C-alpha atoms as a PDB file:
ATOM      1  CA  MET A   1     129.765  90.786  53.248  1.00  0.00           C
ATOM      2  CA  GLN A   2     126.810  93.262  53.958  1.00  0.00           C
ATOM      3  CA  SER A   3     128.358  96.830  53.646  1.00  0.00           C
ATOM      4  CA  GLU A   4     126.700 100.106  53.425  1.00  0.00           C
ATOM      5  CA  ASN A   5     129.166 101.489  51.027  1.00  0.00           C
ATOM      6  CA  PRO A   6     127.546  99.886  47.508  1.00  0.00           C
ATOM      7  CA  LEU A   7     131.068  99.650  45.979  1.00  0.00           C
ATOM      8  CA  ILE A   8     133.743  96.721  46.385  1.00  0.00           C
ATOM      9  CA  ASP A   9     137.490  97.478  45.630  1.00  0.00           C
ATOM     10  CA  VAL A  10     139.447  94.703  43.973  1.00  0.00           C
ATOM     11  CA  THR A  11     141.129  94.132  47.093  1.00  0.00           C
ATOM     12  CA  GLU A  12     138.156  93.025  49.292  1.00  0.00           C
ATOM     13  CA  LEU A  13     136.445  91.033  46.289  1.00  0.00           C
ATOM     14  CA  ALA A  14     139.935  89.390  45.802  1.00  0.00           C
ATOM     15  CA  ARG A  15     140.092  88.410  49.503  1.00  0.00           C
ATOM     16  CA  LEU A  16     136.513  86.991  49.532  1.00  0.00           C
ATOM     17  CA  ALA A  17     136.890  84.914  46.297  1.00  0.00           C
ATOM     18  CA  ALA A  18     139.928  83.237  47.897  1.00  0.00           C
ATOM     19  CA  ALA A  19     138.363  82.932  51.208  1.00  0.00           C
ATOM     20  CA  GLY A  20     137.388  79.022  50.790  1.00  0.00           C
ATOM     21  CA  THR A  21     133.723  79.531  51.881  1.00  0.00           C
ATOM     22  CA  ALA A  22     130.962  80.559  49.482  1.00  0.00           C
ATOM     23  CA  GLY A  23     131.569  84.121  48.132  1.00  0.00           C
ATOM     24  CA  PRO A  24     129.554  86.702  46.430  1.00  0.00           C
ATOM     25  CA  VAL A  25     127.436  85.776  43.100  1.00  0.00           C
ATOM     26  CA  LEU A  26     129.868  87.617  40.400  1.00  0.00           C
ATOM     27  CA  LEU A  27     127.574  89.079  37.730  1.00  0.00           C
ATOM     28  CA  ASP A  28     128.973  90.175  34.451  1.00  0.00           C
ATOM     29  CA  VAL A  29     126.952  92.858  33.203  1.00  0.00           C
ATOM     30  CA  ARG A  30     129.158  94.041  30.087  1.00  0.00           C
ATOM     31  CA  TRP A  31     126.848  95.734  27.255  1.00  0.00           C
ATOM     32  CA  ARG A  32     127.923  98.157  24.978  1.00  0.00           C
ATOM     33  CA  LEU A  33     125.559  99.759  22.330  1.00  0.00           C
ATOM     34  CA  GLY A  34     126.307  98.219  18.985  1.00  0.00           C
ATOM     35  CA  GLY A  35     128.176  95.638  19.803  1.00  0.00           C
ATOM     36  CA  PRO A  36     130.325  93.498  20.545  1.00  0.00           C
ATOM     37  CA  SER A  37     127.671  91.149  22.533  1.00  0.00           C
ATOM     38  CA  PRO A  38     127.697  90.575  26.042  1.00  0.00           C
ATOM     39  CA  ALA A  39     128.115  86.621  25.454  1.00  0.00           C
ATOM     40  CA  GLU A  40     131.181  87.611  22.863  1.00  0.00           C
ATOM     41  CA  LEU A  41     132.401  89.806  25.872  1.00  0.00           C
ATOM     42  CA  TYR A  42     132.267  86.994  28.446  1.00  0.00           C
ATOM     43  CA  ALA A  43     133.905  84.567  26.217  1.00  0.00           C
ATOM     44  CA  GLY A  44     136.725  86.389  25.981  1.00  0.00           C
ATOM     45  CA  GLY A  45     137.523  86.161  29.415  1.00  0.00           C
ATOM     46  CA  HIS A  46     135.406  87.076  32.899  1.00  0.00           C
ATOM     47  CA  LEU A  47     136.124  86.749  36.369  1.00  0.00           C
ATOM     48  CA  PRO A  48     136.441  83.404  37.796  1.00  0.00           C
ATOM     49  CA  GLY A  49     133.044  82.044  38.721  1.00  0.00           C
ATOM     50  CA  ALA A  50     131.229  84.667  37.044  1.00  0.00           C
ATOM     51  CA  VAL A  51     127.969  84.334  35.071  1.00  0.00           C
ATOM     52  CA  ALA A  52     127.162  86.141  31.831  1.00  0.00           C
ATOM     53  CA  VAL A  53     124.164  88.880  32.205  1.00  0.00           C
ATOM     54  CA  ASP A  54     122.554  90.139  29.364  1.00  0.00           C
ATOM     55  CA  LEU A  55     121.239  93.478  29.939  1.00  0.00           C
ATOM     56  CA  ASP A  56     119.049  93.863  27.075  1.00  0.00           C
ATOM     57  CA  THR A  57     117.656  90.559  27.760  1.00  0.00           C
ATOM     58  CA  ASP A  58     117.995  89.528  31.510  1.00  0.00           C
ATOM     59  CA  LEU A  59     117.538  93.218  33.292  1.00  0.00           C
ATOM     60  CA  ALA A  60     114.996  94.644  30.517  1.00  0.00           C
ATOM     61  CA  ALA A  61     111.683  93.626  29.188  1.00  0.00           C
ATOM     62  CA  PRO A  62     111.067  93.691  25.714  1.00  0.00           C
ATOM     63  CA  ALA A  63     110.700  97.133  24.459  1.00  0.00           C
ATOM     64  CA  GLY A  64     107.351  96.685  22.022  1.00  0.00           C
ATOM     65  CA  ASP A  65     106.160  99.641  21.369  1.00  0.00           C
ATOM     66  CA  ARG A  66     108.369 101.755  23.532  1.00  0.00           C
ATOM     67  CA  THR A  67     105.690 103.464  25.381  1.00  0.00           C
ATOM     68  CA  ARG A  68     107.709 102.170  28.424  1.00  0.00           C
ATOM     69  CA  GLY A  69     111.113 103.218  27.258  1.00  0.00           C
ATOM     70  CA  ARG A  70     113.889 101.156  25.418  1.00  0.00           C
ATOM     71  CA  HIS A  71     114.855  99.318  28.845  1.00  0.00           C
ATOM     72  CA  PRO A  72     111.697  98.479  30.459  1.00  0.00           C
ATOM     73  CA  LEU A  73     111.816  97.082  33.738  1.00  0.00           C
ATOM     74  CA  PRO A  74     111.736  93.304  33.584  1.00  0.00           C
ATOM     75  CA  GLU A  75     108.395  91.264  34.867  1.00  0.00           C
ATOM     76  CA  PRO A  76     109.083  90.183  38.334  1.00  0.00           C
ATOM     77  CA  PRO A  77     108.736  86.521  37.612  1.00  0.00           C
ATOM     78  CA  ALA A  78     111.105  86.778  34.625  1.00  0.00           C
ATOM     79  CA  LEU A  79     113.836  88.336  36.767  1.00  0.00           C
ATOM     80  CA  GLU A  80     113.564  85.765  39.529  1.00  0.00           C
ATOM     81  CA  ALA A  81     113.811  83.163  36.971  1.00  0.00           C
ATOM     82  CA  ALA A  82     117.113  84.561  35.660  1.00  0.00           C
ATOM     83  CA  LEU A  83     118.356  85.407  39.308  1.00  0.00           C
ATOM     84  CA  ARG A  84     117.775  81.663  40.177  1.00  0.00           C
ATOM     85  CA  ARG A  85     119.753  80.469  37.139  1.00  0.00           C
ATOM     86  CA  TRP A  86     122.550  82.538  38.280  1.00  0.00           C
ATOM     87  CA  GLY A  87     122.740  80.685  41.682  1.00  0.00           C
ATOM     88  CA  VAL A  88     121.016  83.688  43.782  1.00  0.00           C
ATOM     89  CA  ARG A  89     119.568  82.867  46.863  1.00  0.00           C
ATOM     90  CA  ALA A  90     117.671  84.637  49.508  1.00  0.00           C
ATOM     91  CA  ASP A  91     120.593  85.374  51.650  1.00  0.00           C
ATOM     92  CA  SER A  92     123.426  85.778  48.742  1.00  0.00           C
ATOM     93  CA  ALA A  93     125.829  88.782  48.522  1.00  0.00           C
ATOM     94  CA  VAL A  94     126.062  89.763  44.759  1.00  0.00           C
ATOM     95  CA  VAL A  95     128.814  91.700  43.014  1.00  0.00           C
ATOM     96  CA  ALA A  96     128.234  93.308  39.897  1.00  0.00           C
ATOM     97  CA  TYR A  97     131.132  94.407  37.376  1.00  0.00           C
ATOM     98  CA  ASP A  98     131.560  95.928  33.699  1.00  0.00           C
ATOM     99  CA  ASP A  99     134.437  97.515  31.712  1.00  0.00           C
ATOM    100  CA  ALA A 100     133.227 100.811  31.730  1.00  0.00           C
ATOM    101  CA  ASP A 101     132.209 103.390  34.015  1.00  0.00           C
ATOM    102  CA  GLY A 102     129.799 101.220  36.117  1.00  0.00           C
ATOM    103  CA  SER A 103     126.665 102.005  33.990  1.00  0.00           C
ATOM    104  CA  SER A 104     126.038  98.811  33.176  1.00  0.00           C
ATOM    105  CA  ALA A 105     126.712  97.001  36.559  1.00  0.00           C
ATOM    106  CA  ALA A 106     124.885  99.963  38.547  1.00  0.00           C
ATOM    107  CA  ARG A 107     121.632  98.878  36.259  1.00  0.00           C
ATOM    108  CA  ALA A 108     122.410  95.656  37.862  1.00  0.00           C
ATOM    109  CA  TRP A 109     122.668  97.144  41.310  1.00  0.00           C
ATOM    110  CA  TRP A 110     119.679  98.883  40.994  1.00  0.00           C
ATOM    111  CA  LEU A 111     117.484  96.269  39.845  1.00  0.00           C
ATOM    112  CA  LEU A 112     118.784  93.452  42.440  1.00  0.00           C
ATOM    113  CA  ARG A 113     117.915  96.412  45.013  1.00  0.00           C
ATOM    114  CA  TRP A 114     114.437  97.027  43.742  1.00  0.00           C
ATOM    115  CA  ALA A 115     113.563  93.503  43.647  1.00  0.00           C
ATOM    116  CA  GLY A 116     114.447  93.534  47.394  1.00  0.00           C
ATOM    117  CA  LEU A 117     118.023  92.066  47.793  1.00  0.00           C
ATOM    118  CA  THR A 118     119.861  94.227  50.388  1.00  0.00           C
ATOM    119  CA  ASP A 119     123.789  93.038  49.852  1.00  0.00           C
ATOM    120  CA  VAL A 120     124.545  94.063  46.158  1.00  0.00           C
ATOM    121  CA  ARG A 121     127.490  96.044  45.507  1.00  0.00           C
ATOM    122  CA  VAL A 122     129.374  97.205  42.082  1.00  0.00           C
ATOM    123  CA  LEU A 123     133.027  96.174  41.534  1.00  0.00           C
ATOM    124  CA  ASP A 124     134.586  99.468  41.266  1.00  0.00           C
ATOM    125  CA  GLY A 125     136.663 100.060  38.210  1.00  0.00           C
ATOM    126  CA  GLY A 126     135.505  97.144  36.913  1.00  0.00           C
ATOM    127  CA  ILE A 127     137.348  94.571  34.908  1.00  0.00           C
ATOM    128  CA  ALA A 128     139.962  96.665  34.423  1.00  0.00           C
ATOM    129  CA  ALA A 129     140.872  97.368  37.778  1.00  0.00           C
ATOM    130  CA  TRP A 130     140.938  93.494  38.552  1.00  0.00           C
ATOM    131  CA  VAL A 131     143.202  93.064  35.505  1.00  0.00           C
ATOM    132  CA  ALA A 132     145.363  95.889  36.669  1.00  0.00           C
ATOM    133  CA  ALA A 133     145.443  94.371  40.436  1.00  0.00           C
ATOM    134  CA  GLY A 134     147.350  91.235  38.150  1.00  0.00           C
ATOM    135  CA  LEU A 135     144.468  89.243  39.164  1.00  0.00           C
ATOM    136  CA  PRO A 136     143.353  86.199  36.636  1.00  0.00           C
ATOM    137  CA  LEU A 137     140.625  86.190  34.204  1.00  0.00           C
ATOM    138  CA  THR A 138     139.037  82.709  32.769  1.00  0.00           C
ATOM    139  CA  THR A 139     137.170  81.372  29.924  1.00  0.00           C
ATOM    140  CA  GLU A 140     135.853  78.847  31.955  1.00  0.00           C
ATOM    141  CA  VAL A 141     131.643  78.588  32.393  1.00  0.00           C
ATOM    142  CA  PRO A 142     130.744  77.851  36.076  1.00  0.00           C
ATOM    143  CA  ALA A 143     127.363  75.795  36.618  1.00  0.00           C
ATOM    144  CA  PRO A 144     125.541  77.314  39.651  1.00  0.00           C
ATOM    145  CA  VAL A 145     123.321  75.575  41.799  1.00  0.00           C
ATOM    146  CA  PRO A 146     119.958  77.230  41.128  1.00  0.00           C
ATOM    147  CA  GLY A 147     119.110  79.851  43.824  1.00  0.00           C
ATOM    148  CA  ASP A 148     116.001  80.406  45.398  1.00  0.00           C
ATOM    149  CA  VAL A 149     115.611  83.775  45.668  1.00  0.00           C
ATOM    150  CA  VAL A 150     112.130  85.665  45.565  1.00  0.00           C
ATOM    151  CA  VAL A 151     111.502  88.863  43.632  1.00  0.00           C
ATOM    152  CA  ARG A 152     109.815  91.422  46.144  1.00  0.00           C
ATOM    153  CA  PRO A 153     109.570  94.900  44.032  1.00  0.00           C
ATOM    154  CA  GLY A 154     109.733  98.010  45.599  1.00  0.00           C
ATOM    155  CA  GLY A 155     113.209  98.399  47.525  1.00  0.00           C
ATOM    156  CA  MET A 156     114.028 101.177  45.659  1.00  0.00           C
ATOM    157  CA  PRO A 157     112.426 104.324  45.075  1.00  0.00           C
ATOM    158  CA  VAL A 158     111.059 104.741  41.209  1.00  0.00           C
ATOM    159  CA  LEU A 159     109.714 107.828  38.734  1.00  0.00           C
ATOM    160  CA  ASP A 160     107.282 107.469  36.217  1.00  0.00           C
ATOM    161  CA  ALA A 161     106.467 110.238  33.810  1.00  0.00           C
ATOM    162  CA  ALA A 162     104.260 112.529  35.716  1.00  0.00           C
ATOM    163  CA  GLY A 163     106.324 112.006  38.723  1.00  0.00           C
ATOM    164  CA  ALA A 164     109.675 113.079  36.753  1.00  0.00           C
ATOM    165  CA  ALA A 165     107.521 116.342  35.428  1.00  0.00           C
ATOM    166  CA  ALA A 166     106.811 117.588  38.859  1.00  0.00           C
ATOM    167  CA  LEU A 167     110.009 116.581  40.682  1.00  0.00           C
ATOM    168  CA  PRO A 168     111.856 119.821  39.371  1.00  0.00           C
ATOM    169  CA  ALA A 169     109.352 122.053  41.181  1.00  0.00           C
ATOM    170  CA  ARG A 170     110.016 120.525  44.611  1.00  0.00           C
ATOM    171  CA  GLY A 171     113.527 118.960  44.216  1.00  0.00           C
ATOM    172  CA  VAL A 172     116.025 118.006  41.870  1.00  0.00           C
ATOM    173  CA  LEU A 173     115.870 116.136  38.636  1.00  0.00           C
ATOM    174  CA  LEU A 174     119.360 114.758  36.952  1.00  0.00           C
ATOM    175  CA  ASP A 175     119.600 114.183  33.513  1.00  0.00           C
ATOM    176  CA  ALA A 176     122.654 111.885  33.124  1.00  0.00           C
ATOM    177  CA  ARG A 177     123.235 111.696  29.566  1.00  0.00           C
ATOM    178  CA  ALA A 178     126.214 113.874  27.919  1.00  0.00           C
ATOM    179  CA  ALA A 179     125.513 117.612  28.007  1.00  0.00           C
ATOM    180  CA  ALA A 180     125.099 117.662  23.976  1.00  0.00           C
ATOM    181  CA  ARG A 181     122.142 115.550  24.446  1.00  0.00           C
ATOM    182  CA  TYR A 182     120.642 117.572  27.162  1.00  0.00           C
ATOM    183  CA  ARG A 183     121.032 120.760  25.184  1.00  0.00           C
ATOM    184  CA  GLY A 184     118.995 118.650  22.185  1.00  0.00           C
ATOM    185  CA  GLU A 185     122.174 119.418  19.855  1.00  0.00           C
ATOM    186  CA  VAL A 186     122.553 115.890  19.189  1.00  0.00           C
ATOM    187  CA  GLU A 187     120.244 112.479  19.634  1.00  0.00           C
ATOM    188  CA  PRO A 188     121.927 109.295  18.459  1.00  0.00           C
ATOM    189  CA  VAL A 189     119.373 107.135  19.618  1.00  0.00           C
ATOM    190  CA  ASP A 190     115.963 108.579  20.406  1.00  0.00           C
ATOM    191  CA  PRO A 191     113.855 110.539  17.761  1.00  0.00           C
ATOM    192  CA  VAL A 192     113.421 113.573  19.726  1.00  0.00           C
ATOM    193  CA  ALA A 193     116.170 115.610  21.068  1.00  0.00           C
ATOM    194  CA  GLY A 194     116.121 117.965  24.114  1.00  0.00           C
ATOM    195  CA  HIS A 195     115.416 117.000  27.863  1.00  0.00           C
ATOM    196  CA  ILE A 196     112.483 116.861  30.390  1.00  0.00           C
ATOM    197  CA  PRO A 197     111.781 120.684  31.588  1.00  0.00           C
ATOM    198  CA  GLY A 198     113.343 121.608  34.548  1.00  0.00           C
ATOM    199  CA  ALA A 199     115.903 119.108  34.532  1.00  0.00           C
ATOM    200  CA  ARG A 200     119.708 119.766  35.350  1.00  0.00           C
ATOM    201  CA  SER A 201     122.602 118.459  32.886  1.00  0.00           C
ATOM    202  CA  ALA A 202     124.465 115.787  35.224  1.00  0.00           C
ATOM    203  CA  PRO A 203     126.542 113.418  32.934  1.00  0.00           C
ATOM    204  CA  THR A 204     127.566 110.313  34.371  1.00  0.00           C
ATOM    205  CA  SER A 205     131.142 111.151  33.296  1.00  0.00           C
ATOM    206  CA  GLY A 206     131.548 113.477  36.181  1.00  0.00           C
ATOM    207  CA  ASN A 207     130.825 110.682  38.474  1.00  0.00           C
ATOM    208  CA  VAL A 208     134.074 108.504  37.737  1.00  0.00           C
ATOM    209  CA  ALA A 209     137.881 109.351  37.872  1.00  0.00           C
ATOM    210  CA  GLY A 210     139.694 108.664  34.368  1.00  0.00           C
ATOM    211  CA  ASN A 211     140.376 105.041  35.553  1.00  0.00           C
ATOM    212  CA  GLY A 212     136.707 104.387  35.629  1.00  0.00           C
ATOM    213  CA  ARG A 213     136.781 104.492  39.243  1.00  0.00           C
ATOM    214  CA  PHE A 214     133.996 106.427  41.492  1.00  0.00           C
ATOM    215  CA  LEU A 215     135.143 109.664  43.167  1.00  0.00           C
ATOM    216  CA  PRO A 216     135.284 109.631  47.005  1.00  0.00           C
ATOM    217  CA  ALA A 217     131.971 110.301  48.542  1.00  0.00           C
ATOM    218  CA  ALA A 218     133.236 113.754  49.751  1.00  0.00           C
ATOM    219  CA  ALA A 219     133.902 114.567  45.806  1.00  0.00           C
ATOM    220  CA  LEU A 220     130.512 113.289  44.733  1.00  0.00           C
ATOM    221  CA  ARG A 221     128.549 115.529  47.487  1.00  0.00           C
ATOM    222  CA  GLU A 222     130.486 118.347  46.144  1.00  0.00           C
ATOM    223  CA  ARG A 223     129.328 117.931  42.756  1.00  0.00           C
ATOM    224  CA  PHE A 224     125.846 117.043  43.464  1.00  0.00           C
ATOM    225  CA  ALA A 225     125.376 120.168  45.499  1.00  0.00           C
ATOM    226  CA  ALA A 226     126.929 122.287  42.699  1.00  0.00           C
ATOM    227  CA  LEU A 227     123.611 120.846  41.094  1.00  0.00           C
ATOM    228  CA  GLY A 228     121.459 121.869  43.627  1.00  0.00           C
ATOM    229  CA  VAL A 229     120.861 118.619  45.677  1.00  0.00           C
ATOM    230  CA  GLU A 230     120.448 119.917  49.145  1.00  0.00           C
ATOM    231  CA  PRO A 231     119.458 117.765  52.327  1.00  0.00           C
ATOM    232  CA  ALA A 232     115.467 117.171  52.438  1.00  0.00           C
ATOM    233  CA  ARG A 233     115.042 117.728  48.920  1.00  0.00           C
ATOM    234  CA  PRO A 234     113.864 115.058  46.854  1.00  0.00           C
ATOM    235  CA  VAL A 235     116.309 113.688  44.218  1.00  0.00           C
ATOM    236  CA  GLY A 236     115.396 111.835  40.781  1.00  0.00           C
ATOM    237  CA  ALA A 237     117.627 110.612  37.965  1.00  0.00           C
ATOM    238  CA  TYR A 238     117.085 109.771  34.317  1.00  0.00           C
ATOM    239  CA  CYS A 239     118.863 109.116  31.030  1.00  0.00           C
ATOM    240  CA  GLY A 240     118.120 107.658  27.553  1.00  0.00           C
ATOM    241  CA  SER A 241     116.457 104.520  28.512  1.00  0.00           C
ATOM    242  CA  GLY A 242     117.058 103.923  32.434  1.00  0.00           C
ATOM    243  CA  VAL A 243     120.651 102.609  32.312  1.00  0.00           C
ATOM    244  CA  THR A 244     123.391 105.315  32.865  1.00  0.00           C
ATOM    245  CA  ALA A 245     121.024 107.063  35.357  1.00  0.00           C
ATOM    246  CA  ALA A 246     121.123 103.813  37.480  1.00  0.00           C
ATOM    247  CA  GLN A 247     124.722 104.783  37.675  1.00  0.00           C
ATOM    248  CA  ALA A 248     123.850 108.454  38.875  1.00  0.00           C
ATOM    249  CA  VAL A 249     121.581 107.009  41.266  1.00  0.00           C
ATOM    250  CA  LEU A 250     124.575 104.452  42.854  1.00  0.00           C
ATOM    251  CA  ALA A 251     127.155 107.912  42.586  1.00  0.00           C
ATOM    252  CA  LEU A 252     124.132 109.199  45.003  1.00  0.00           C
ATOM    253  CA  GLU A 253     124.203 106.802  47.037  1.00  0.00           C
ATOM    254  CA  VAL A 254     128.105 106.698  47.231  1.00  0.00           C
ATOM    255  CA  ALA A 255     127.315 110.467  48.523  1.00  0.00           C
ATOM    256  CA  GLY A 256     124.768 109.250  50.988  1.00  0.00           C
ATOM    257  CA  ILE A 257     121.944 110.810  49.004  1.00  0.00           C
ATOM    258  CA  PRO A 258     118.775 108.654  48.236  1.00  0.00           C
ATOM    259  CA  ALA A 259     117.471 109.105  44.866  1.00  0.00           C
ATOM    260  CA  ALA A 260     114.759 107.540  42.804  1.00  0.00           C
ATOM    261  CA  LEU A 261     115.526 106.434  39.239  1.00  0.00           C
ATOM    262  CA  TYR A 262     112.848 106.772  36.413  1.00  0.00           C
ATOM    263  CA  PRO A 263     113.422 103.628  34.332  1.00  0.00           C
ATOM    264  CA  GLY A 264     111.533 104.946  31.444  1.00  0.00           C
ATOM    265  CA  SER A 265     113.597 107.963  30.950  1.00  0.00           C
ATOM    266  CA  TRP A 266     113.953 109.918  27.750  1.00  0.00           C
ATOM    267  CA  SER A 267     112.694 107.300  25.519  1.00  0.00           C
ATOM    268  CA  GLU A 268     109.758 107.149  27.296  1.00  0.00           C
ATOM    269  CA  TRP A 269     109.069 110.298  27.872  1.00  0.00           C
ATOM    270  CA  VAL A 270     109.529 111.322  23.977  1.00  0.00           C
ATOM    271  CA  ALA A 271     107.018 108.320  23.219  1.00  0.00           C
ATOM    272  CA  ASP A 272     104.132 110.492  24.145  1.00  0.00           C
ATOM    273  CA  PRO A 273     104.096 113.520  21.829  1.00  0.00           C
ATOM    274  CA  THR A 274     102.334 115.945  24.195  1.00  0.00           C
ATOM    275  CA  ARG A 275     104.711 115.779  26.635  1.00  0.00           C
ATOM    276  CA  PRO A 276     106.996 118.957  26.833  1.00  0.00           C
ATOM    277  CA  VAL A 277     110.510 119.034  25.460  1.00  0.00           C
ATOM    278  CA  ALA A 278     113.174 121.587  26.336  1.00  0.00           C
ATOM    279  CA  THR A 279     116.337 122.531  24.723  1.00  0.00           C
ATOM    280  CA  GLY A 280     119.656 124.566  24.866  1.00  0.00           C
ATOM    281  CA  PRO A 281     121.571 124.918  28.477  1.00  0.00           C
ATOM    282  CA  GLU A 282     119.392 125.275  31.508  1.00  0.00           C
ATOM    283  CA  ASP A 283     116.976 127.899  32.784  1.00  0.00           C
END
C-alpha cells in the first residue's frame, strides 16, 4: 500500500479492507478539546477493525510543568508499546482518521513518521467520508495480534524554540492557529496571546474544503506560495500544542513541500517569559 501520497481516499481504503489479506492498521484518532472523550466517540461507532487512540495519552507525554508544551512528544518506549498494542509491525501499513479537518489524524501520521514508519497515511475526509460513501461502522472492538515495530525517532524534521525563533530570518514559519489567536485578540487555552515574531498566519482551515477533505496539491502549492513558501527556503509550522500544526505539515507534504514541526509550539514558547511575543497583523 506504500504511496508517496500521504492521503488515502475512501475508495482505496475500502478496497484494501475487502481484499481478504492483511490490510492496513486503522487508527481512530478522534479527539475534541473539551470532550466527548476519544473512548466515547469510538464506542459510538468506528471503522471496522480500527483501534482506539487517545491523543492526550497515546500520542503525547504528560504535560507536566508545560515547559515542553501541552502535548509533548511521547517517550519512544511508551510510543513503541502503544504501537505494538495496536498491532503495528515493522512492515505494517497504517491509516489514521478523525472526524474533523484531519488535525488529530495528522498528529498520528506525523508522530509515526517521526518514529521511523514509512507507510502511514491519513484518510482524506475522515469518518464522515466513509459514512457518506455508504460504508459501515461497527461497535465491535478488535483484538489485534501484538506487533513488533521498533521506534526509531528522527524520521521527520523537528524545530525547538531556538530553531523556531531563527527560522523567519532564512525561511518561513507558519502559525497554524486561527487568525484571531495569531493576532493576539483572543487566547482560549494558553496564558499569553500573540505569535512568534516573524511567523506568518496560516490557519489550518485554509488547507481543507468544506467537506473536510484536503485541497488538491496544486491549490495547496498556490496557497503556500502566497504565504511566502518558495523552493529551497526552509519551512516550519507551529500551533498551540503541536497538534493542528501537524495538519499543516501534512498539507505541505501533499503539496510536495517538506516542512519541520515545532512540537512544543505556542504553549512551550510562552512557558518562558523571556521569549518575545508579537501581536497584531503580520509585519
